[in-house]
């Protein structure tokens, strides 16, 4: 399970460069999972490491695409992916 709330992230104050969403994940089997994010064309980067968790992501910007990917340990298997955007 992988979810983001809210998604899309509301515009809010257009003068604020960033906004936030809450990412929640669960591997479903109690085994360690690794949560990565790929922003636009950048390389993936690790943002979480646990069987399940929840974290506030406070760096969602306009005009970017955030693809969160939940993997089994050491990226051996993609369990789920989720796209997060921010309204224009």
PDB file of N, CA and C in Angstrom:
ATOM      1  N   UNK A   1       0.838  -1.163   0.000  1.00  0.00           N
ATOM      2  CA  UNK A   1       0.000   0.000   0.000  1.00  0.00           C
ATOM      3  C   UNK A   1       0.887   1.231   0.000  1.00  0.00           C
ATOM      4  N   UNK A   2       0.523   2.192  -0.838  1.00  0.00           N
ATOM      5  CA  UNK A   2       1.252   3.452  -0.936  1.00  0.00           C
ATOM      6  C   UNK A   2       0.235   4.526  -1.249  1.00  0.00           C
ATOM      7  N   UNK A   3       0.179   5.576  -0.417  1.00  0.00           N
ATOM      8  CA  UNK A   3      -0.800   6.635  -0.645  1.00  0.00           C
ATOM      9  C   UNK A   3      -0.221   7.987  -0.255  1.00  0.00           C
ATOM     10  N   UNK A   4      -0.854   9.034  -0.783  1.00  0.00           N
ATOM     11  CA  UNK A   4      -0.486  10.409  -0.461  1.00  0.00           C
ATOM     12  C   UNK A   4      -1.766  11.194  -0.225  1.00  0.00           C
ATOM     13  N   UNK A   5      -1.767  11.994   0.847  1.00  0.00           N
ATOM     14  CA  UNK A   5      -2.924  12.838   1.113  1.00  0.00           C
ATOM     15  C   UNK A   5      -2.446  14.209   1.553  1.00  0.00           C
ATOM     16  N   UNK A   6      -2.840  15.258   0.868  1.00  0.00           N
ATOM     17  CA  UNK A   6      -3.666  15.248  -0.332  1.00  0.00           C
ATOM     18  C   UNK A   6      -2.829  14.975  -1.576  1.00  0.00           C
ATOM     19  N   UNK A   7      -3.512  14.547  -2.600  1.00  0.00           N
ATOM     20  CA  UNK A   7      -2.913  14.346  -3.920  1.00  0.00           C
ATOM     21  C   UNK A   7      -4.014  14.469  -4.958  1.00  0.00           C
ATOM     22  N   UNK A   8      -3.941  15.469  -5.844  1.00  0.00           N
ATOM     23  CA  UNK A   8      -2.866  16.439  -5.945  1.00  0.00           C
ATOM     24  C   UNK A   8      -2.836  17.387  -4.748  1.00  0.00           C
ATOM     25  N   UNK A   9      -1.656  17.939  -4.503  1.00  0.00           N
ATOM     26  CA  UNK A   9      -1.485  18.894  -3.421  1.00  0.00           C
ATOM     27  C   UNK A   9      -2.145  20.206  -3.850  1.00  0.00           C
ATOM     28  N   UNK A  10      -2.997  20.780  -3.008  1.00  0.00           N
ATOM     29  CA  UNK A  10      -3.669  22.026  -3.387  1.00  0.00           C
ATOM     30  C   UNK A  10      -2.688  23.162  -3.643  1.00  0.00           C
ATOM     31  N   UNK A  11      -3.110  24.086  -4.466  1.00  0.00           N
ATOM     32  CA  UNK A  11      -2.287  25.235  -4.797  1.00  0.00           C
ATOM     33  C   UNK A  11      -1.892  26.001  -3.547  1.00  0.00           C
ATOM     34  N   UNK A  12      -2.870  26.247  -2.680  1.00  0.00           N
ATOM     35  CA  UNK A  12      -2.579  27.035  -1.484  1.00  0.00           C
ATOM     36  C   UNK A  12      -2.168  28.441  -1.877  1.00  0.00           C
ATOM     37  N   UNK A  13      -1.196  28.988  -1.190  1.00  0.00           N
ATOM     38  CA  UNK A  13      -0.694  30.319  -1.497  1.00  0.00           C
ATOM     39  C   UNK A  13       0.272  30.222  -2.674  1.00  0.00           C
ATOM     40  N   UNK A  14      -0.091  30.806  -3.833  1.00  0.00           N
ATOM     41  CA  UNK A  14       0.787  30.686  -5.006  1.00  0.00           C
ATOM     42  C   UNK A  14       2.155  31.328  -4.812  1.00  0.00           C
ATOM     43  N   UNK A  15       2.277  32.195  -3.790  1.00  0.00           N
ATOM     44  CA  UNK A  15       3.574  32.813  -3.518  1.00  0.00           C
ATOM     45  C   UNK A  15       4.497  31.906  -2.710  1.00  0.00           C
ATOM     46  N   UNK A  16       3.948  30.810  -2.156  1.00  0.00           N
ATOM     47  CA  UNK A  16       4.764  29.843  -1.417  1.00  0.00           C
ATOM     48  C   UNK A  16       5.369  28.855  -2.415  1.00  0.00           C
ATOM     49  N   UNK A  17       6.686  28.717  -2.437  1.00  0.00           N
ATOM     50  CA  UNK A  17       7.309  27.830  -3.425  1.00  0.00           C
ATOM     51  C   UNK A  17       7.075  26.344  -3.176  1.00  0.00           C
ATOM     52  N   UNK A  18       6.767  25.964  -1.919  1.00  0.00           N
ATOM     53  CA  UNK A  18       6.568  24.548  -1.625  1.00  0.00           C
ATOM     54  C   UNK A  18       5.288  24.332  -0.820  1.00  0.00           C
ATOM     55  N   UNK A  19       4.780  23.108  -0.887  1.00  0.00           N
ATOM     56  CA  UNK A  19       3.603  22.688  -0.127  1.00  0.00           C
ATOM     57  C   UNK A  19       3.872  21.270   0.374  1.00  0.00           C
ATOM     58  N   UNK A  20       2.924  20.706   1.139  1.00  0.00           N
ATOM     59  CA  UNK A  20       3.193  19.394   1.728  1.00  0.00           C
ATOM     60  C   UNK A  20       2.080  18.385   1.473  1.00  0.00           C
ATOM     61  N   UNK A  21       2.462  17.117   1.590  1.00  0.00           N
ATOM     62  CA  UNK A  21       1.547  15.985   1.521  1.00  0.00           C
ATOM     63  C   UNK A  21       2.041  14.939   2.509  1.00  0.00           C
ATOM     64  N   UNK A  22       1.155  14.066   2.918  1.00  0.00           N
ATOM     65  CA  UNK A  22       1.501  12.981   3.846  1.00  0.00           C
ATOM     66  C   UNK A  22       1.599  11.684   3.050  1.00  0.00           C
ATOM     67  N   UNK A  23       2.766  11.075   3.045  1.00  0.00           N
ATOM     68  CA  UNK A  23       2.984   9.804   2.346  1.00  0.00           C
ATOM     69  C   UNK A  23       2.881   8.679   3.374  1.00  0.00           C
ATOM     70  N   UNK A  24       2.108   7.650   3.058  1.00  0.00           N
ATOM     71  CA  UNK A  24       1.949   6.482   3.928  1.00  0.00           C
ATOM     72  C   UNK A  24       2.235   5.228   3.112  1.00  0.00           C
ATOM     73  N   UNK A  25       2.972   4.293   3.699  1.00  0.00           N
ATOM     74  CA  UNK A  25       3.273   3.054   2.991  1.00  0.00           C
ATOM     75  C   UNK A  25       3.236   1.862   3.936  1.00  0.00           C
ATOM     76  N   UNK A  26       3.056   0.698   3.344  1.00  0.00           N
ATOM     77  CA  UNK A  26       3.059  -0.565   4.083  1.00  0.00           C
ATOM     78  C   UNK A  26       3.386  -1.671   3.095  1.00  0.00           C
ATOM     79  N   UNK A  27       4.410  -2.470   3.386  1.00  0.00           N
ATOM     80  CA  UNK A  27       4.779  -3.554   2.477  1.00  0.00           C
ATOM     81  C   UNK A  27       3.757  -4.687   2.501  1.00  0.00           C
ATOM     82  N   UNK A  28       2.957  -4.746   3.567  1.00  0.00           N
ATOM     83  CA  UNK A  28       1.910  -5.753   3.652  1.00  0.00           C
ATOM     84  C   UNK A  28       2.353  -7.088   4.220  1.00  0.00           C
ATOM     85  N   UNK A  29       3.666  -7.251   4.422  1.00  0.00           N
ATOM     86  CA  UNK A  29       4.145  -8.533   4.934  1.00  0.00           C
ATOM     87  C   UNK A  29       5.094  -8.392   6.126  1.00  0.00           C
ATOM     88  N   UNK A  30       5.248  -7.171   6.628  1.00  0.00           N
ATOM     89  CA  UNK A  30       6.120  -6.934   7.771  1.00  0.00           C
ATOM     90  C   UNK A  30       7.600  -6.874   7.442  1.00  0.00           C
ATOM     91  N   UNK A  31       7.950  -7.085   6.185  1.00  0.00           N
ATOM     92  CA  UNK A  31       9.349  -7.024   5.778  1.00  0.00           C
ATOM     93  C   UNK A  31       9.731  -5.586   5.427  1.00  0.00           C
ATOM     94  N   UNK A  32      11.017  -5.303   5.571  1.00  0.00           N
ATOM     95  CA  UNK A  32      11.526  -3.961   5.299  1.00  0.00           C
ATOM     96  C   UNK A  32      11.225  -3.564   3.862  1.00  0.00           C
ATOM     97  N   UNK A  33      10.763  -2.344   3.702  1.00  0.00           N
ATOM     98  CA  UNK A  33      10.573  -1.759   2.389  1.00  0.00           C
ATOM     99  C   UNK A  33      11.398  -0.494   2.291  1.00  0.00           C
ATOM    100  N   UNK A  34      11.683  -0.083   1.084  1.00  0.00           N
ATOM    101  CA  UNK A  34      12.431   1.142   0.854  1.00  0.00           C
ATOM    102  C   UNK A  34      11.585   2.056  -0.012  1.00  0.00           C
ATOM    103  N   UNK A  35      11.379   3.269   0.465  1.00  0.00           N
ATOM    104  CA  UNK A  35      10.590   4.257  -0.257  1.00  0.00           C
ATOM    105  C   UNK A  35      11.541   5.243  -0.924  1.00  0.00           C
ATOM    106  N   UNK A  36      11.431   5.309  -2.237  1.00  0.00           N
ATOM    107  CA  UNK A  36      12.247   6.221  -3.030  1.00  0.00           C
ATOM    108  C   UNK A  36      11.341   7.236  -3.702  1.00  0.00           C
ATOM    109  N   UNK A  37      11.926   8.370  -4.082  1.00  0.00           N
ATOM    110  CA  UNK A  37      11.207   9.347  -4.888  1.00  0.00           C
ATOM    111  C   UNK A  37      12.077   9.710  -6.082  1.00  0.00           C
ATOM    112  N   UNK A  38      11.417   9.837  -7.216  1.00  0.00           N
ATOM    113  CA  UNK A  38      12.058  10.303  -8.444  1.00  0.00           C
ATOM    114  C   UNK A  38      11.353  11.599  -8.808  1.00  0.00           C
ATOM    115  N   UNK A  39      12.091  12.684  -8.847  1.00  0.00           N
ATOM    116  CA  UNK A  39      11.526  13.994  -9.154  1.00  0.00           C
ATOM    117  C   UNK A  39      11.930  14.373 -10.567  1.00  0.00           C
ATOM    118  N   UNK A  40      10.915  14.529 -11.418  1.00  0.00           N
ATOM    119  CA  UNK A  40      11.141  14.840 -12.825  1.00  0.00           C
ATOM    120  C   UNK A  40      12.157  13.863 -13.418  1.00  0.00           C
ATOM    121  N   UNK A  41      13.259  14.355 -13.915  1.00  0.00           N
ATOM    122  CA  UNK A  41      14.238  13.478 -14.575  1.00  0.00           C
ATOM    123  C   UNK A  41      15.443  13.160 -13.695  1.00  0.00           C
ATOM    124  N   UNK A  42      15.360  13.515 -12.433  1.00  0.00           N
ATOM    125  CA  UNK A  42      16.469  13.224 -11.516  1.00  0.00           C
ATOM    126  C   UNK A  42      16.518  11.731 -11.199  1.00  0.00           C
ATOM    127  N   UNK A  43      17.639  11.298 -10.629  1.00  0.00           N
ATOM    128  CA  UNK A  43      17.756   9.918 -10.159  1.00  0.00           C
ATOM    129  C   UNK A  43      16.881   9.728  -8.927  1.00  0.00           C
ATOM    130  N   UNK A  44      16.504   8.486  -8.670  1.00  0.00           N
ATOM    131  CA  UNK A  44      15.750   8.162  -7.458  1.00  0.00           C
ATOM    132  C   UNK A  44      16.600   8.472  -6.226  1.00  0.00           C
ATOM    133  N   UNK A  45      15.896   8.850  -5.141  1.00  0.00           N
ATOM    134  CA  UNK A  45      16.598   9.011  -3.872  1.00  0.00           C
ATOM    135  C   UNK A  45      15.756   8.408  -2.747  1.00  0.00           C
ATOM    136  N   UNK A  46      16.432   7.808  -1.795  1.00  0.00           N
ATOM    137  CA  UNK A  46      15.779   7.140  -0.675  1.00  0.00           C
ATOM    138  C   UNK A  46      15.201   8.172   0.281  1.00  0.00           C
ATOM    139  N   UNK A  47      13.912   7.983   0.663  1.00  0.00           N
ATOM    140  CA  UNK A  47      13.282   8.882   1.630  1.00  0.00           C
ATOM    141  C   UNK A  47      12.727   8.130   2.845  1.00  0.00           C
ATOM    142  N   UNK A  48      12.601   6.810   2.764  1.00  0.00           N
ATOM    143  CA  UNK A  48      12.081   6.040   3.887  1.00  0.00           C
ATOM    144  C   UNK A  48      12.546   4.601   3.837  1.00  0.00           C
ATOM    145  N   UNK A  49      12.664   3.981   5.033  1.00  0.00           N
ATOM    146  CA  UNK A  49      13.180   2.611   5.126  1.00  0.00           C
ATOM    147  C   UNK A  49      12.524   1.948   6.334  1.00  0.00           C
ATOM    148  N   UNK A  50      11.458   1.186   6.087  1.00  0.00           N
ATOM    149  CA  UNK A  50      10.723   0.519   7.169  1.00  0.00           C
ATOM    150  C   UNK A  50       9.649  -0.362   6.544  1.00  0.00           C
ATOM    151  N   UNK A  51       9.122  -1.334   7.297  1.00  0.00           N
ATOM    152  CA  UNK A  51       8.022  -2.150   6.766  1.00  0.00           C
ATOM    153  C   UNK A  51       6.771  -1.311   6.494  1.00  0.00           C
ATOM    154  N   UNK A  52       6.557  -0.287   7.317  1.00  0.00           N
ATOM    155  CA  UNK A  52       5.410   0.600   7.156  1.00  0.00           C
ATOM    156  C   UNK A  52       5.786   1.942   7.772  1.00  0.00           C
ATOM    157  N   UNK A  53       5.134   2.986   7.316  1.00  0.00           N
ATOM    158  CA  UNK A  53       5.428   4.290   7.889  1.00  0.00           C
ATOM    159  C   UNK A  53       4.584   5.375   7.280  1.00  0.00           C
ATOM    160  N   UNK A  54       4.794   6.560   7.802  1.00  0.00           N
ATOM    161  CA  UNK A  54       4.095   7.734   7.315  1.00  0.00           C
ATOM    162  C   UNK A  54       5.009   8.924   7.541  1.00  0.00           C
ATOM    163  N   UNK A  55       5.082   9.814   6.580  1.00  0.00           N
ATOM    164  CA  UNK A  55       5.928  10.996   6.729  1.00  0.00           C
ATOM    165  C   UNK A  55       5.348  12.168   5.961  1.00  0.00           C
ATOM    166  N   UNK A  56       5.582  13.328   6.511  1.00  0.00           N
ATOM    167  CA  UNK A  56       5.151  14.557   5.858  1.00  0.00           C
ATOM    168  C   UNK A  56       6.255  14.986   4.900  1.00  0.00           C
ATOM    169  N   UNK A  57       5.881  15.149   3.642  1.00  0.00           N
ATOM    170  CA  UNK A  57       6.808  15.618   2.619  1.00  0.00           C
ATOM    171  C   UNK A  57       6.477  17.092   2.390  1.00  0.00           C
ATOM    172  N   UNK A  58       7.410  17.964   2.696  1.00  0.00           N
ATOM    173  CA  UNK A  58       7.142  19.403   2.684  1.00  0.00           C
ATOM    174  C   UNK A  58       7.795  20.143   1.521  1.00  0.00           C
ATOM    175  N   UNK A  59       8.217  19.431   0.495  1.00  0.00           N
ATOM    176  CA  UNK A  59       8.952  20.080  -0.578  1.00  0.00           C
ATOM    177  C   UNK A  59       8.313  19.886  -1.955  1.00  0.00           C
ATOM    178  N   UNK A  60       6.981  19.805  -1.998  1.00  0.00           N
ATOM    179  CA  UNK A  60       6.277  19.637  -3.272  1.00  0.00           C
ATOM    180  C   UNK A  60       6.150  21.004  -3.951  1.00  0.00           C
ATOM    181  N   UNK A  61       6.682  21.104  -5.158  1.00  0.00           N
ATOM    182  CA  UNK A  61       6.688  22.369  -5.894  1.00  0.00           C
ATOM    183  C   UNK A  61       5.747  22.311  -7.094  1.00  0.00           C
ATOM    184  N   UNK A  62       5.403  23.492  -7.605  1.00  0.00           N
ATOM    185  CA  UNK A  62       4.654  23.582  -8.857  1.00  0.00           C
ATOM    186  C   UNK A  62       5.515  23.026  -9.992  1.00  0.00           C
ATOM    187  N   UNK A  63       4.866  22.553 -11.039  1.00  0.00           N
ATOM    188  CA  UNK A  63       5.542  22.155 -12.286  1.00  0.00           C
ATOM    189  C   UNK A  63       6.549  21.025 -12.119  1.00  0.00           C
ATOM    190  N   UNK A  64       6.407  20.208 -11.094  1.00  0.00           N
ATOM    191  CA  UNK A  64       7.265  19.035 -10.946  1.00  0.00           C
ATOM    192  C   UNK A  64       6.392  17.803 -10.753  1.00  0.00           C
ATOM    193  N   UNK A  65       6.929  16.673 -11.151  1.00  0.00           N
ATOM    194  CA  UNK A  65       6.252  15.385 -11.024  1.00  0.00           C
ATOM    195  C   UNK A  65       7.056  14.546 -10.033  1.00  0.00           C
ATOM    196  N   UNK A  66       6.390  14.046  -8.999  1.00  0.00           N
ATOM    197  CA  UNK A  66       7.034  13.264  -7.947  1.00  0.00           C
ATOM    198  C   UNK A  66       6.514  11.840  -8.043  1.00  0.00           C
ATOM    199  N   UNK A  67       7.396  10.911  -8.389  1.00  0.00           N
ATOM    200  CA  UNK A  67       7.003   9.511  -8.461  1.00  0.00           C
ATOM    201  C   UNK A  67       7.614   8.781  -7.266  1.00  0.00           C
ATOM    202  N   UNK A  68       6.751   8.418  -6.317  1.00  0.00           N
ATOM    203  CA  UNK A  68       7.186   7.666  -5.144  1.00  0.00           C
ATOM    204  C   UNK A  68       7.120   6.191  -5.496  1.00  0.00           C
ATOM    205  N   UNK A  69       8.172   5.460  -5.139  1.00  0.00           N
ATOM    206  CA  UNK A  69       8.275   4.034  -5.455  1.00  0.00           C
ATOM    207  C   UNK A  69       8.595   3.260  -4.189  1.00  0.00           C
ATOM    208  N   UNK A  70       7.769   2.261  -3.907  1.00  0.00           N
ATOM    209  CA  UNK A  70       7.995   1.394  -2.752  1.00  0.00           C
ATOM    210  C   UNK A  70       8.571   0.076  -3.254  1.00  0.00           C
ATOM    211  N   UNK A  71       9.756  -0.243  -2.760  1.00  0.00           N
ATOM    212  CA  UNK A  71      10.456  -1.459  -3.161  1.00  0.00           C
ATOM    213  C   UNK A  71      10.581  -2.419  -1.981  1.00  0.00           C
ATOM    214  N   UNK A  72      10.702  -3.699  -2.312  1.00  0.00           N
ATOM    215  CA  UNK A  72      11.167  -4.672  -1.332  1.00  0.00           C
ATOM    216  C   UNK A  72      12.618  -4.302  -1.037  1.00  0.00           C
ATOM    217  N   UNK A  73      13.166  -4.782   0.064  1.00  0.00           N
ATOM    218  CA  UNK A  73      14.512  -4.407   0.492  1.00  0.00           C
ATOM    219  C   UNK A  73      15.536  -4.454  -0.638  1.00  0.00           C
ATOM    220  N   UNK A  74      16.371  -3.448  -0.657  1.00  0.00           N
ATOM    221  CA  UNK A  74      17.459  -3.294  -1.632  1.00  0.00           C
ATOM    222  C   UNK A  74      16.950  -3.211  -3.067  1.00  0.00           C
ATOM    223  N   UNK A  75      15.776  -2.659  -3.249  1.00  0.00           N
ATOM    224  CA  UNK A  75      15.162  -2.465  -4.571  1.00  0.00           C
ATOM    225  C   UNK A  75      15.105  -3.747  -5.386  1.00  0.00           C
ATOM    226  N   UNK A  76      14.910  -4.866  -4.707  1.00  0.00           N
ATOM    227  CA  UNK A  76      14.850  -6.149  -5.411  1.00  0.00           C
ATOM    228  C   UNK A  76      13.552  -6.319  -6.182  1.00  0.00           C
ATOM    229  N   UNK A  77      12.472  -5.637  -5.744  1.00  0.00           N
ATOM    230  CA  UNK A  77      11.185  -5.771  -6.426  1.00  0.00           C
ATOM    231  C   UNK A  77      10.359  -4.507  -6.175  1.00  0.00           C
ATOM    232  N   UNK A  78       9.806  -3.944  -7.247  1.00  0.00           N
ATOM    233  CA  UNK A  78       8.919  -2.788  -7.122  1.00  0.00           C
ATOM    234  C   UNK A  78       7.569  -3.282  -6.629  1.00  0.00           C
ATOM    235  N   UNK A  79       7.146  -2.790  -5.461  1.00  0.00           N
ATOM    236  CA  UNK A  79       5.861  -3.202  -4.886  1.00  0.00           C
ATOM    237  C   UNK A  79       4.729  -2.300  -5.351  1.00  0.00           C
ATOM    238  N   UNK A  80       5.003  -0.997  -5.425  1.00  0.00           N
ATOM    239  CA  UNK A  80       3.957  -0.061  -5.828  1.00  0.00           C
ATOM    240  C   UNK A  80       4.599   1.287  -6.154  1.00  0.00           C
ATOM    241  N   UNK A  81       3.918   2.073  -7.008  1.00  0.00           N
ATOM    242  CA  UNK A  81       4.377   3.429  -7.283  1.00  0.00           C
ATOM    243  C   UNK A  81       3.190   4.370  -7.304  1.00  0.00           C
ATOM    244  N   UNK A  82       3.482   5.647  -7.066  1.00  0.00           N
ATOM    245  CA  UNK A  82       2.435   6.649  -6.920  1.00  0.00           C
ATOM    246  C   UNK A  82       2.977   7.978  -7.432  1.00  0.00           C
ATOM    247  N   UNK A  83       2.192   8.673  -8.237  1.00  0.00           N
ATOM    248  CA  UNK A  83       2.571   9.995  -8.742  1.00  0.00           C
ATOM    249  C   UNK A  83       1.889  11.059  -7.879  1.00  0.00           C
ATOM    250  N   UNK A  84       2.674  12.044  -7.441  1.00  0.00           N
ATOM    251  CA  UNK A  84       2.145  13.176  -6.681  1.00  0.00           C
ATOM    252  C   UNK A  84       2.436  14.440  -7.473  1.00  0.00           C
ATOM    253  N   UNK A  85       1.420  15.303  -7.571  1.00  0.00           N
ATOM    254  CA  UNK A  85       1.568  16.579  -8.268  1.00  0.00           C
ATOM    255  C   UNK A  85       1.008  17.693  -7.387  1.00  0.00           C
ATOM    256  N   UNK A  86       1.235  18.923  -7.820  1.00  0.00           N
ATOM    257  CA  UNK A  86       0.674  20.087  -7.146  1.00  0.00           C
ATOM    258  C   UNK A  86      -0.139  20.875  -8.156  1.00  0.00           C
ATOM    259  N   UNK A  87      -1.349  21.211  -7.793  1.00  0.00           N
ATOM    260  CA  UNK A  87      -2.219  21.969  -8.701  1.00  0.00           C
ATOM    261  C   UNK A  87      -1.578  23.292  -9.087  1.00  0.00           C
ATOM    262  N   UNK A  88      -1.827  23.700 -10.322  1.00  0.00           N
ATOM    263  CA  UNK A  88      -1.324  25.004 -10.795  1.00  0.00           C
ATOM    264  C   UNK A  88      -2.247  26.119 -10.391  1.00  0.00           C
TER     265      UNK A  88
END
